[in-house]
Amino acid sequence: MNKKYKDFIAIIILLFGGYFLGNSVVKCNQNKTVQKSTEQCNSKEVKDINNQEEKNRIFKLNTIINSSDRNFKIMEREMVKYVIDGDTIILNNGKKVRYISINTPERGECWYRQAKKKNQELIEGRQIFLEKDISNYDKYQRILRYVYVPILKKGVFKDSNNSKMYFVNMELVKAGLARVREYKPDLKYLKELKEVEKYAKQNKIGLWGGCEE
């Protein structure tokens, strides 16, 4: 076999070898790309699921309270005469109650009307339960309390020891109608309230979504 023929055969072998090697590399890269894309997709799905679960947890967090979570039996029971605004009410005995750890819009501000209406829907004319933290009064001599109202079944409220209550302070935050405020030393539920406020902010609920009148 002459040298030219040997060189020709060598070139053919190199060409075919390069072709098959190149195909293998491309396929390998394609497989890696598909695998990476699949992993990213799966990772995104897991992340989305975890985010939704977290949203659901925050959305439900402590807005409905069982008797096993709070001792309603030792709380003050009062009747609401009327609602002043989103975070202040007058009781039948004439005393004024200010909700702890939250602040709703004032008259003339965006979302004032909606906050007051929500508060009215929850408690006006209803019996409520009041929980004290550390302070008893603020500087305006308003009673400082966390407020709970029974979730009625067929319009009848029976026993506070076997009932579920709306945590009114947190209901207003969850609806995006109140901002959480730190008023020391009354910090008992501040952490939980801030978690719910974070959810409302992230989802642009109520006042976090802009002005609406």
N, C-alpha and C. Protein backbone atom coordinates (compact mmCIF):
# COMPACT_ATOMS: atom_id res chain seq x y z
N MET A 1 0.87 -1.19 0.00
CA MET A 1 0.00 0.00 0.00
C MET A 1 0.90 1.23 0.00
N ASN A 2 0.68 2.11 -0.98
CA ASN A 2 1.56 3.27 -1.07
C ASN A 2 1.21 4.33 -0.02
N LYS A 3 2.11 5.25 0.13
CA LYS A 3 1.98 6.25 1.19
C LYS A 3 0.74 7.14 1.01
N LYS A 4 0.44 7.53 -0.24
CA LYS A 4 -0.71 8.39 -0.51
C LYS A 4 -2.00 7.72 -0.08
N TYR A 5 -2.09 6.43 -0.37
CA TYR A 5 -3.32 5.68 -0.04
C TYR A 5 -3.47 5.58 1.47
N LYS A 6 -2.33 5.35 2.17
CA LYS A 6 -2.37 5.28 3.63
C LYS A 6 -2.80 6.61 4.23
N ASP A 7 -2.26 7.70 3.67
CA ASP A 7 -2.65 9.03 4.17
C ASP A 7 -4.13 9.29 3.97
N PHE A 8 -4.67 8.85 2.82
CA PHE A 8 -6.09 9.04 2.51
C PHE A 8 -6.96 8.30 3.53
N ILE A 9 -6.57 7.03 3.81
CA ILE A 9 -7.31 6.23 4.79
C ILE A 9 -7.27 6.89 6.16
N ALA A 10 -6.11 7.43 6.53
CA ALA A 10 -5.95 8.08 7.83
C ALA A 10 -6.86 9.30 7.96
N ILE A 11 -6.93 10.05 6.85
CA ILE A 11 -7.79 11.25 6.84
C ILE A 11 -9.24 10.87 6.99
N ILE A 12 -9.68 9.80 6.27
CA ILE A 12 -11.07 9.33 6.37
C ILE A 12 -11.40 8.93 7.79
N ILE A 13 -10.49 8.19 8.41
CA ILE A 13 -10.70 7.73 9.80
C ILE A 13 -10.83 8.92 10.75
N LEU A 14 -9.94 9.90 10.55
CA LEU A 14 -9.99 11.10 11.41
C LEU A 14 -11.30 11.86 11.24
N LEU A 15 -11.75 11.97 9.99
CA LEU A 15 -13.01 12.67 9.71
C LEU A 15 -14.19 11.98 10.37
N PHE A 16 -14.29 10.66 10.20
CA PHE A 16 -15.39 9.91 10.80
C PHE A 16 -15.31 9.96 12.33
N GLY A 17 -14.08 9.85 12.84
CA GLY A 17 -13.90 9.91 14.30
C GLY A 17 -14.34 11.24 14.87
N GLY A 18 -13.95 12.31 14.15
CA GLY A 18 -14.34 13.65 14.58
C GLY A 18 -15.84 13.86 14.53
N TYR A 19 -16.46 13.29 13.49
CA TYR A 19 -17.92 13.43 13.33
C TYR A 19 -18.64 12.78 14.50
N PHE A 20 -18.29 11.52 14.77
CA PHE A 20 -18.98 10.79 15.84
C PHE A 20 -18.67 11.39 17.21
N LEU A 21 -17.42 11.82 17.39
CA LEU A 21 -17.06 12.46 18.65
C LEU A 21 -17.83 13.76 18.85
N GLY A 22 -17.93 14.52 17.75
CA GLY A 22 -18.67 15.79 17.83
C GLY A 22 -20.13 15.57 18.17
N ASN A 23 -20.73 14.55 17.53
CA ASN A 23 -22.13 14.23 17.83
C ASN A 23 -22.31 13.84 19.28
N SER A 24 -21.37 13.08 19.80
CA SER A 24 -21.45 12.64 21.19
C SER A 24 -21.40 13.82 22.15
N VAL A 25 -20.50 14.78 21.84
CA VAL A 25 -20.37 15.96 22.68
C VAL A 25 -21.64 16.80 22.64
N VAL A 26 -22.21 16.98 21.43
CA VAL A 26 -23.46 17.75 21.27
C VAL A 26 -24.59 17.11 22.05
N LYS A 27 -24.71 15.77 21.88
CA LYS A 27 -25.78 15.05 22.59
C LYS A 27 -25.59 15.17 24.10
N CYS A 28 -24.33 15.05 24.51
CA CYS A 28 -24.04 15.16 25.94
C CYS A 28 -24.44 16.54 26.47
N ASN A 29 -24.06 17.58 25.70
CA ASN A 29 -24.40 18.95 26.10
C ASN A 29 -25.91 19.17 26.10
N GLN A 30 -26.58 18.58 25.08
CA GLN A 30 -28.03 18.69 25.01
C GLN A 30 -28.67 18.02 26.22
N ASN A 31 -28.17 16.84 26.57
CA ASN A 31 -28.71 16.12 27.73
C ASN A 31 -28.51 16.91 29.01
N LYS A 32 -27.29 17.51 29.12
CA LYS A 32 -27.02 18.31 30.30
C LYS A 32 -27.94 19.53 30.36
N THR A 33 -28.17 20.14 29.18
CA THR A 33 -29.05 21.32 29.12
C THR A 33 -30.47 20.94 29.51
N VAL A 34 -30.96 19.81 28.97
CA VAL A 34 -32.32 19.34 29.30
C VAL A 34 -32.42 19.03 30.78
N GLN A 35 -31.36 18.34 31.30
CA GLN A 35 -31.37 17.99 32.72
C GLN A 35 -31.37 19.23 33.59
N LYS A 36 -30.53 20.21 33.20
CA LYS A 36 -30.46 21.46 33.96
C LYS A 36 -31.79 22.19 33.91
N SER A 37 -32.38 22.24 32.70
CA SER A 37 -33.67 22.91 32.53
C SER A 37 -34.74 22.24 33.37
N THR A 38 -34.72 20.89 33.38
CA THR A 38 -35.70 20.14 34.18
C THR A 38 -35.51 20.41 35.66
N GLU A 39 -34.22 20.42 36.09
CA GLU A 39 -33.95 20.69 37.50
C GLU A 39 -34.42 22.09 37.89
N GLN A 40 -34.18 23.06 36.98
CA GLN A 40 -34.62 24.43 37.26
C GLN A 40 -36.14 24.51 37.33
N CYS A 41 -36.80 23.80 36.43
CA CYS A 41 -38.26 23.78 36.39
C CYS A 41 -38.81 23.17 37.67
N ASN A 42 -38.21 22.00 38.04
CA ASN A 42 -38.66 21.33 39.26
C ASN A 42 -38.42 22.19 40.49
N SER A 43 -37.26 22.86 40.48
CA SER A 43 -36.92 23.73 41.59
C SER A 43 -37.91 24.88 41.70
N LYS A 44 -38.29 25.45 40.54
CA LYS A 44 -39.26 26.56 40.52
C LYS A 44 -40.62 26.09 41.02
N GLU A 45 -41.03 24.87 40.59
CA GLU A 45 -42.32 24.33 41.03
C GLU A 45 -42.34 24.15 42.54
N VAL A 46 -41.25 23.58 43.07
CA VAL A 46 -41.16 23.37 44.52
C VAL A 46 -41.20 24.70 45.24
N LYS A 47 -40.46 25.70 44.69
CA LYS A 47 -40.43 27.03 45.29
C LYS A 47 -41.82 27.65 45.28
N ASP A 48 -42.53 27.53 44.15
CA ASP A 48 -43.88 28.08 44.04
C ASP A 48 -44.82 27.43 45.05
N ILE A 49 -44.70 26.11 45.19
CA ILE A 49 -45.55 25.38 46.13
C ILE A 49 -45.26 25.84 47.56
N ASN A 50 -43.96 25.97 47.88
CA ASN A 50 -43.57 26.41 49.22
C ASN A 50 -44.06 27.83 49.49
N ASN A 51 -43.97 28.69 48.47
CA ASN A 51 -44.45 30.07 48.63
C ASN A 51 -45.94 30.11 48.88
N GLN A 52 -46.69 29.27 48.14
CA GLN A 52 -48.14 29.25 48.31
C GLN A 52 -48.52 28.72 49.69
N GLU A 53 -47.79 27.69 50.13
CA GLU A 53 -48.05 27.14 51.46
C GLU A 53 -47.77 28.18 52.53
N GLU A 54 -46.70 28.94 52.33
CA GLU A 54 -46.35 30.00 53.27
C GLU A 54 -47.42 31.09 53.27
N LYS A 55 -47.90 31.44 52.05
CA LYS A 55 -48.97 32.44 51.96
C LYS A 55 -50.22 31.97 52.69
N ASN A 56 -50.57 30.71 52.46
CA ASN A 56 -51.76 30.16 53.12
C ASN A 56 -51.60 30.18 54.63
N ARG A 57 -50.39 29.83 55.09
CA ARG A 57 -50.14 29.80 56.53
C ARG A 57 -50.27 31.20 57.13
N ILE A 58 -49.65 32.17 56.48
CA ILE A 58 -49.70 33.54 56.98
C ILE A 58 -51.12 34.08 56.92
N PHE A 59 -51.83 33.76 55.81
CA PHE A 59 -53.17 34.29 55.63
C PHE A 59 -54.11 33.82 56.73
N LYS A 60 -53.89 32.58 57.21
CA LYS A 60 -54.76 32.01 58.23
C LYS A 60 -54.26 32.25 59.65
N LEU A 61 -53.01 32.70 59.75
CA LEU A 61 -52.34 32.77 61.04
C LEU A 61 -53.11 33.59 62.07
N ASN A 62 -53.60 32.92 63.07
CA ASN A 62 -54.17 33.55 64.25
C ASN A 62 -55.34 34.50 64.01
N THR A 63 -55.91 34.55 62.81
CA THR A 63 -57.06 35.42 62.62
C THR A 63 -58.32 34.78 63.18
N ILE A 64 -58.34 33.45 63.21
CA ILE A 64 -59.42 32.73 63.88
C ILE A 64 -58.81 31.98 65.05
N ILE A 65 -59.28 32.27 66.24
CA ILE A 65 -58.68 31.76 67.47
C ILE A 65 -59.61 30.76 68.14
N ASN A 66 -59.06 29.62 68.50
CA ASN A 66 -59.81 28.62 69.25
C ASN A 66 -59.69 28.88 70.75
N SER A 67 -60.63 28.34 71.49
CA SER A 67 -60.59 28.50 72.94
C SER A 67 -59.36 27.83 73.54
N SER A 68 -58.77 26.87 72.79
CA SER A 68 -57.56 26.21 73.27
C SER A 68 -56.34 27.12 73.16
N ASP A 69 -56.43 28.17 72.33
CA ASP A 69 -55.31 29.10 72.13
C ASP A 69 -55.39 30.33 73.03
N ARG A 70 -56.58 30.66 73.49
CA ARG A 70 -56.77 31.81 74.37
C ARG A 70 -57.73 31.41 75.49
N ASN A 71 -57.53 32.00 76.64
CA ASN A 71 -58.44 31.75 77.75
C ASN A 71 -59.53 32.82 77.75
N PHE A 72 -60.56 32.61 76.94
CA PHE A 72 -61.64 33.59 76.83
C PHE A 72 -62.41 33.75 78.14
N LYS A 73 -62.36 32.71 78.95
CA LYS A 73 -63.14 32.72 80.19
C LYS A 73 -62.74 33.85 81.13
N ILE A 74 -61.45 34.22 81.11
CA ILE A 74 -60.98 35.26 82.03
C ILE A 74 -61.00 36.65 81.41
N MET A 75 -61.37 36.74 80.13
CA MET A 75 -61.39 38.04 79.46
C MET A 75 -62.65 38.84 79.82
N GLU A 76 -62.53 40.15 79.67
CA GLU A 76 -63.69 41.03 79.88
C GLU A 76 -64.68 40.83 78.72
N ARG A 77 -65.96 40.78 79.05
CA ARG A 77 -67.00 40.72 78.02
C ARG A 77 -67.75 42.05 78.03
N GLU A 78 -67.84 42.64 76.86
CA GLU A 78 -68.52 43.93 76.76
C GLU A 78 -69.35 43.98 75.47
N MET A 79 -70.33 44.88 75.47
CA MET A 79 -71.13 45.11 74.27
C MET A 79 -70.65 46.39 73.58
N VAL A 80 -70.59 46.34 72.27
CA VAL A 80 -70.13 47.51 71.50
C VAL A 80 -71.32 48.41 71.18
N LYS A 81 -71.21 49.66 71.57
CA LYS A 81 -72.27 50.62 71.28
C LYS A 81 -72.13 51.13 69.86
N TYR A 82 -70.96 51.64 69.52
CA TYR A 82 -70.71 52.04 68.13
C TYR A 82 -69.22 52.12 67.84
N VAL A 83 -68.91 52.15 66.56
CA VAL A 83 -67.53 52.18 66.08
C VAL A 83 -67.15 53.61 65.71
N ILE A 84 -66.05 54.11 66.25
CA ILE A 84 -65.58 55.45 65.93
C ILE A 84 -64.82 55.43 64.60
N ASP A 85 -63.88 54.48 64.49
CA ASP A 85 -63.11 54.33 63.24
C ASP A 85 -62.58 52.90 63.18
N GLY A 86 -61.50 52.68 62.44
CA GLY A 86 -61.01 51.32 62.26
C GLY A 86 -60.40 50.69 63.48
N ASP A 87 -59.92 51.50 64.43
CA ASP A 87 -59.24 50.92 65.59
C ASP A 87 -59.71 51.46 66.94
N THR A 88 -60.84 52.15 66.96
CA THR A 88 -61.37 52.71 68.21
C THR A 88 -62.88 52.54 68.28
N ILE A 89 -63.36 52.13 69.44
CA ILE A 89 -64.79 51.87 69.61
C ILE A 89 -65.29 52.42 70.95
N ILE A 90 -66.60 52.56 71.05
CA ILE A 90 -67.25 52.94 72.30
C ILE A 90 -68.09 51.75 72.78
N LEU A 91 -67.93 51.42 74.06
CA LEU A 91 -68.70 50.32 74.65
C LEU A 91 -70.03 50.84 75.20
N ASN A 92 -70.93 49.93 75.52
CA ASN A 92 -72.23 50.31 76.09
C ASN A 92 -72.08 51.06 77.41
N ASN A 93 -70.98 50.77 78.13
CA ASN A 93 -70.76 51.46 79.42
C ASN A 93 -70.13 52.84 79.24
N GLY A 94 -69.94 53.25 77.97
CA GLY A 94 -69.41 54.58 77.69
C GLY A 94 -67.90 54.65 77.57
N LYS A 95 -67.21 53.56 77.87
CA LYS A 95 -65.75 53.57 77.81
C LYS A 95 -65.26 53.44 76.36
N LYS A 96 -64.12 54.07 76.11
CA LYS A 96 -63.54 54.03 74.77
C LYS A 96 -62.38 53.03 74.74
N VAL A 97 -62.38 52.17 73.73
CA VAL A 97 -61.33 51.14 73.59
C VAL A 97 -60.50 51.41 72.35
N ARG A 98 -59.18 51.36 72.53
CA ARG A 98 -58.24 51.52 71.41
C ARG A 98 -57.53 50.18 71.20
N TYR A 99 -57.51 49.70 69.96
CA TYR A 99 -56.89 48.41 69.65
C TYR A 99 -55.38 48.49 69.79
N ILE A 100 -54.78 47.46 70.39
CA ILE A 100 -53.34 47.42 70.60
C ILE A 100 -52.60 47.01 69.32
N SER A 101 -51.45 47.61 69.10
CA SER A 101 -50.47 47.22 68.07
C SER A 101 -50.86 47.54 66.62
N ILE A 102 -51.99 48.20 66.41
CA ILE A 102 -52.34 48.54 65.03
C ILE A 102 -52.76 50.00 64.92
N ASN A 103 -52.69 50.50 63.70
CA ASN A 103 -53.12 51.87 63.44
C ASN A 103 -53.83 51.91 62.09
N THR A 104 -55.08 52.32 62.09
CA THR A 104 -55.84 52.39 60.84
C THR A 104 -55.88 53.84 60.35
N PRO A 105 -56.18 54.06 59.07
CA PRO A 105 -56.19 55.43 58.52
C PRO A 105 -57.16 56.36 59.26
N GLU A 106 -56.75 57.61 59.38
CA GLU A 106 -57.59 58.62 60.03
C GLU A 106 -58.58 59.21 59.03
N ARG A 107 -59.58 59.91 59.55
CA ARG A 107 -60.58 60.55 58.70
C ARG A 107 -59.90 61.46 57.67
N GLY A 108 -60.31 61.34 56.42
CA GLY A 108 -59.72 62.13 55.35
C GLY A 108 -58.58 61.43 54.63
N GLU A 109 -58.09 60.32 55.21
CA GLU A 109 -57.01 59.56 54.58
C GLU A 109 -57.58 58.41 53.76
N CYS A 110 -56.78 57.95 52.80
CA CYS A 110 -57.19 56.79 52.00
C CYS A 110 -57.44 55.58 52.88
N TRP A 111 -58.49 54.86 52.57
CA TRP A 111 -58.87 53.62 53.25
C TRP A 111 -59.49 53.82 54.64
N TYR A 112 -59.71 55.08 55.04
CA TYR A 112 -60.38 55.33 56.32
C TYR A 112 -61.79 54.72 56.33
N ARG A 113 -62.53 55.01 55.28
CA ARG A 113 -63.92 54.55 55.20
C ARG A 113 -64.00 53.02 55.21
N GLN A 114 -63.11 52.37 54.44
CA GLN A 114 -63.13 50.91 54.36
C GLN A 114 -62.76 50.25 55.69
N ALA A 115 -61.78 50.86 56.39
CA ALA A 115 -61.36 50.32 57.68
C ALA A 115 -62.47 50.43 58.71
N LYS A 116 -63.14 51.56 58.73
CA LYS A 116 -64.25 51.75 59.66
C LYS A 116 -65.38 50.78 59.35
N LYS A 117 -65.70 50.63 58.08
CA LYS A 117 -66.77 49.72 57.67
C LYS A 117 -66.46 48.28 58.06
N LYS A 118 -65.22 47.86 57.87
CA LYS A 118 -64.82 46.51 58.24
C LYS A 118 -64.97 46.29 59.73
N ASN A 119 -64.56 47.28 60.50
CA ASN A 119 -64.68 47.19 61.95
C ASN A 119 -66.15 47.10 62.37
N GLN A 120 -66.98 47.88 61.71
CA GLN A 120 -68.42 47.84 62.00
C GLN A 120 -69.00 46.46 61.69
N GLU A 121 -68.62 45.92 60.54
CA GLU A 121 -69.13 44.61 60.13
C GLU A 121 -68.75 43.52 61.13
N LEU A 122 -67.57 43.66 61.70
CA LEU A 122 -67.08 42.65 62.63
C LEU A 122 -67.73 42.74 64.01
N ILE A 123 -67.89 43.97 64.53
CA ILE A 123 -68.23 44.03 65.96
C ILE A 123 -69.37 44.95 66.37
N GLU A 124 -69.84 45.87 65.53
CA GLU A 124 -70.83 46.85 65.99
C GLU A 124 -72.10 46.16 66.46
N GLY A 125 -72.52 46.51 67.69
CA GLY A 125 -73.71 45.92 68.28
C GLY A 125 -73.50 44.51 68.80
N ARG A 126 -72.28 44.05 68.80
CA ARG A 126 -71.97 42.68 69.21
C ARG A 126 -71.30 42.63 70.58
N GLN A 127 -71.36 41.45 71.18
CA GLN A 127 -70.58 41.21 72.39
C GLN A 127 -69.15 40.87 71.96
N ILE A 128 -68.18 41.48 72.63
CA ILE A 128 -66.79 41.23 72.30
C ILE A 128 -66.03 40.80 73.56
N PHE A 129 -64.85 40.23 73.34
CA PHE A 129 -63.97 39.83 74.42
C PHE A 129 -62.71 40.67 74.35
N LEU A 130 -62.28 41.20 75.49
CA LEU A 130 -61.15 42.12 75.53
C LEU A 130 -59.99 41.51 76.31
N GLU A 131 -58.81 41.51 75.69
CA GLU A 131 -57.62 40.96 76.33
C GLU A 131 -56.61 42.08 76.59
N LYS A 132 -56.17 42.17 77.82
CA LYS A 132 -55.21 43.18 78.23
C LYS A 132 -53.78 42.67 77.99
N ASP A 133 -52.87 43.59 77.68
CA ASP A 133 -51.44 43.23 77.59
C ASP A 133 -50.77 43.75 78.87
N ILE A 134 -49.91 44.73 78.77
CA ILE A 134 -49.25 45.30 79.95
C ILE A 134 -49.96 46.58 80.39
N SER A 135 -50.10 47.50 79.44
CA SER A 135 -50.73 48.78 79.75
C SER A 135 -52.25 48.63 79.84
N ASN A 136 -52.84 49.50 80.65
CA ASN A 136 -54.30 49.48 80.77
C ASN A 136 -54.93 50.62 79.97
N TYR A 137 -54.27 51.80 80.00
CA TYR A 137 -54.77 52.97 79.28
C TYR A 137 -53.64 53.63 78.48
N ASP A 138 -54.02 54.36 77.43
CA ASP A 138 -53.04 55.18 76.73
C ASP A 138 -53.12 56.60 77.30
N LYS A 139 -52.37 57.52 76.71
CA LYS A 139 -52.30 58.89 77.25
C LYS A 139 -53.61 59.65 77.10
N TYR A 140 -54.51 59.14 76.23
CA TYR A 140 -55.82 59.76 76.05
C TYR A 140 -56.89 59.09 76.92
N GLN A 141 -56.43 58.24 77.83
CA GLN A 141 -57.32 57.50 78.73
C GLN A 141 -58.27 56.54 78.01
N ARG A 142 -57.83 56.06 76.86
CA ARG A 142 -58.57 55.01 76.18
C ARG A 142 -58.08 53.65 76.67
N ILE A 143 -58.98 52.71 76.84
CA ILE A 143 -58.60 51.37 77.27
C ILE A 143 -57.87 50.68 76.12
N LEU A 144 -56.72 50.08 76.42
CA LEU A 144 -55.93 49.38 75.41
C LEU A 144 -56.20 47.88 75.48
N ARG A 145 -56.65 47.32 74.35
CA ARG A 145 -57.02 45.90 74.37
C ARG A 145 -56.83 45.24 73.00
N TYR A 146 -56.64 43.90 73.07
CA TYR A 146 -56.80 43.04 71.90
C TYR A 146 -58.27 42.65 71.91
N VAL A 147 -58.88 42.63 70.74
CA VAL A 147 -60.33 42.44 70.66
C VAL A 147 -60.67 41.16 69.91
N TYR A 148 -61.62 40.41 70.46
CA TYR A 148 -62.10 39.17 69.84
C TYR A 148 -63.61 39.21 69.75
N VAL A 149 -64.13 38.64 68.68
CA VAL A 149 -65.57 38.58 68.51
C VAL A 149 -65.95 37.16 68.09
N PRO A 150 -67.00 36.60 68.67
CA PRO A 150 -67.38 35.22 68.36
C PRO A 150 -67.79 35.04 66.90
N ILE A 151 -67.41 33.89 66.34
CA ILE A 151 -67.91 33.47 65.04
C ILE A 151 -69.20 32.71 65.32
N LEU A 152 -70.30 33.34 65.01
CA LEU A 152 -71.59 32.75 65.38
C LEU A 152 -72.03 31.65 64.44
N LYS A 153 -72.64 30.63 65.00
CA LYS A 153 -73.27 29.57 64.22
C LYS A 153 -74.77 29.72 64.37
N LYS A 154 -75.43 29.99 63.26
CA LYS A 154 -76.88 30.21 63.25
C LYS A 154 -77.28 31.35 64.17
N GLY A 155 -76.38 32.33 64.31
CA GLY A 155 -76.71 33.53 65.06
C GLY A 155 -76.74 33.37 66.56
N VAL A 156 -76.29 32.23 67.08
CA VAL A 156 -76.37 32.00 68.53
C VAL A 156 -74.97 31.82 69.11
N PHE A 157 -74.65 32.60 70.11
CA PHE A 157 -73.38 32.45 70.82
C PHE A 157 -73.67 31.81 72.16
N LYS A 158 -73.01 30.67 72.40
CA LYS A 158 -73.32 29.92 73.60
C LYS A 158 -72.22 29.98 74.66
N ASP A 159 -71.14 29.27 74.42
CA ASP A 159 -70.13 29.10 75.45
C ASP A 159 -68.77 29.54 74.94
N SER A 160 -68.15 30.51 75.61
CA SER A 160 -66.85 31.02 75.17
C SER A 160 -65.76 29.98 75.29
N ASN A 161 -65.99 28.94 76.08
CA ASN A 161 -64.97 27.91 76.25
C ASN A 161 -64.96 26.90 75.11
N ASN A 162 -65.98 26.92 74.28
CA ASN A 162 -66.05 25.99 73.16
C ASN A 162 -66.34 26.75 71.86
N SER A 163 -65.70 27.89 71.71
CA SER A 163 -66.01 28.74 70.58
C SER A 163 -64.76 29.13 69.80
N LYS A 164 -65.01 29.62 68.60
CA LYS A 164 -63.96 30.21 67.79
C LYS A 164 -64.24 31.70 67.68
N MET A 165 -63.17 32.46 67.71
CA MET A 165 -63.30 33.92 67.67
C MET A 165 -62.46 34.50 66.54
N TYR A 166 -62.93 35.61 66.00
CA TYR A 166 -62.09 36.41 65.12
C TYR A 166 -61.19 37.27 66.01
N PHE A 167 -59.90 37.29 65.67
CA PHE A 167 -58.96 38.20 66.33
C PHE A 167 -59.05 39.50 65.53
N VAL A 168 -59.83 40.44 66.03
CA VAL A 168 -60.19 41.63 65.26
C VAL A 168 -58.97 42.46 64.86
N ASN A 169 -58.04 42.65 65.79
CA ASN A 169 -56.83 43.43 65.46
C ASN A 169 -56.16 42.85 64.22
N MET A 170 -56.04 41.52 64.18
CA MET A 170 -55.34 40.87 63.08
C MET A 170 -56.20 40.81 61.82
N GLU A 171 -57.50 40.71 61.97
CA GLU A 171 -58.39 40.71 60.81
C GLU A 171 -58.21 42.00 60.00
N LEU A 172 -58.07 43.10 60.69
CA LEU A 172 -57.90 44.39 60.02
C LEU A 172 -56.55 44.47 59.30
N VAL A 173 -55.51 43.89 59.92
CA VAL A 173 -54.19 43.87 59.28
C VAL A 173 -54.22 42.97 58.05
N LYS A 174 -54.85 41.80 58.18
CA LYS A 174 -54.93 40.84 57.08
C LYS A 174 -55.67 41.43 55.89
N ALA A 175 -56.68 42.26 56.16
CA ALA A 175 -57.47 42.89 55.09
C ALA A 175 -56.76 44.09 54.48
N GLY A 176 -55.55 44.40 54.96
CA GLY A 176 -54.81 45.54 54.44
C GLY A 176 -55.41 46.87 54.84
N LEU A 177 -56.08 46.89 55.99
CA LEU A 177 -56.76 48.11 56.44
C LEU A 177 -56.14 48.70 57.70
N ALA A 178 -55.04 48.09 58.14
CA ALA A 178 -54.33 48.59 59.33
C ALA A 178 -52.84 48.32 59.19
N ARG A 179 -52.06 49.27 59.71
CA ARG A 179 -50.62 49.08 59.80
C ARG A 179 -50.26 48.62 61.20
N VAL A 180 -49.25 47.79 61.30
CA VAL A 180 -48.80 47.33 62.61
C VAL A 180 -47.87 48.38 63.21
N ARG A 181 -48.08 48.66 64.49
CA ARG A 181 -47.25 49.63 65.18
C ARG A 181 -46.74 49.04 66.50
N GLU A 182 -45.50 49.36 66.81
CA GLU A 182 -44.90 48.87 68.05
C GLU A 182 -45.08 49.91 69.14
N TYR A 183 -45.96 49.60 70.07
CA TYR A 183 -46.20 50.49 71.20
C TYR A 183 -45.77 49.77 72.47
N LYS A 184 -44.54 50.04 72.88
CA LYS A 184 -44.03 49.39 74.09
C LYS A 184 -44.79 49.87 75.31
N PRO A 185 -45.00 49.01 76.29
CA PRO A 185 -44.49 47.64 76.44
C PRO A 185 -45.46 46.56 75.94
N ASP A 186 -46.47 46.96 75.16
CA ASP A 186 -47.52 46.01 74.76
C ASP A 186 -47.15 45.32 73.45
N LEU A 187 -46.41 44.21 73.56
CA LEU A 187 -45.84 43.55 72.39
C LEU A 187 -46.23 42.07 72.28
N LYS A 188 -47.26 41.68 72.97
CA LYS A 188 -47.60 40.25 73.09
C LYS A 188 -47.77 39.54 71.75
N TYR A 189 -48.47 40.18 70.81
CA TYR A 189 -48.74 39.54 69.52
C TYR A 189 -48.09 40.30 68.36
N LEU A 190 -47.08 41.10 68.66
CA LEU A 190 -46.46 41.94 67.64
C LEU A 190 -45.87 41.11 66.50
N LYS A 191 -45.18 40.03 66.85
CA LYS A 191 -44.52 39.20 65.83
C LYS A 191 -45.53 38.62 64.86
N GLU A 192 -46.63 38.06 65.39
CA GLU A 192 -47.66 37.47 64.54
C GLU A 192 -48.33 38.52 63.66
N LEU A 193 -48.58 39.68 64.23
CA LEU A 193 -49.20 40.76 63.46
C LEU A 193 -48.29 41.23 62.32
N LYS A 194 -47.00 41.29 62.58
CA LYS A 194 -46.05 41.70 61.54
C LYS A 194 -45.98 40.69 60.40
N GLU A 195 -46.11 39.40 60.73
CA GLU A 195 -46.10 38.37 59.70
C GLU A 195 -47.28 38.55 58.75
N VAL A 196 -48.44 38.82 59.33
CA VAL A 196 -49.64 39.02 58.51
C VAL A 196 -49.53 40.30 57.71
N GLU A 197 -48.97 41.34 58.30
CA GLU A 197 -48.77 42.60 57.58
C GLU A 197 -47.83 42.38 56.39
N LYS A 198 -46.79 41.57 56.58
CA LYS A 198 -45.86 41.27 55.50
C LYS A 198 -46.58 40.62 54.32
N TYR A 199 -47.49 39.70 54.64
CA TYR A 199 -48.28 39.04 53.60
C TYR A 199 -49.13 40.07 52.85
N ALA A 200 -49.79 40.95 53.58
CA ALA A 200 -50.64 41.97 52.96
C ALA A 200 -49.82 42.90 52.06
N LYS A 201 -48.63 43.26 52.53
CA LYS A 201 -47.74 44.13 51.74
C LYS A 201 -47.33 43.45 50.44
N GLN A 202 -46.85 42.20 50.55
CA GLN A 202 -46.35 41.48 49.39
C GLN A 202 -47.43 41.28 48.33
N ASN A 203 -48.67 41.14 48.78
CA ASN A 203 -49.78 40.89 47.86
C ASN A 203 -50.59 42.14 47.56
N LYS A 204 -50.06 43.31 48.03
CA LYS A 204 -50.67 44.61 47.74
C LYS A 204 -52.17 44.63 48.07
N ILE A 205 -52.47 44.15 49.27
CA ILE A 205 -53.86 44.10 49.73
C ILE A 205 -54.21 45.43 50.42
N GLY A 206 -55.40 45.94 50.11
CA GLY A 206 -55.88 47.14 50.77
C GLY A 206 -54.97 48.34 50.56
N LEU A 207 -54.63 49.00 51.66
CA LEU A 207 -53.85 50.23 51.58
C LEU A 207 -52.45 50.02 51.00
N TRP A 208 -51.98 48.78 50.97
CA TRP A 208 -50.66 48.49 50.39
C TRP A 208 -50.71 48.46 48.87
N GLY A 209 -51.91 48.51 48.31
CA GLY A 209 -52.04 48.51 46.86
C GLY A 209 -52.27 49.89 46.28
N GLY A 210 -52.28 50.90 47.14
CA GLY A 210 -52.49 52.27 46.67
C GLY A 210 -53.76 52.86 47.25
N CYS A 211 -54.05 54.08 46.87
CA CYS A 211 -55.21 54.80 47.41
C CYS A 211 -56.48 54.39 46.68
N GLU A 212 -57.54 54.18 47.45
CA GLU A 212 -58.84 53.84 46.85
C GLU A 212 -59.94 54.52 47.64
N GLU A 213 -60.76 55.24 46.99
CA GLU A 213 -61.87 55.93 47.64
C GLU A 213 -63.17 55.66 46.91
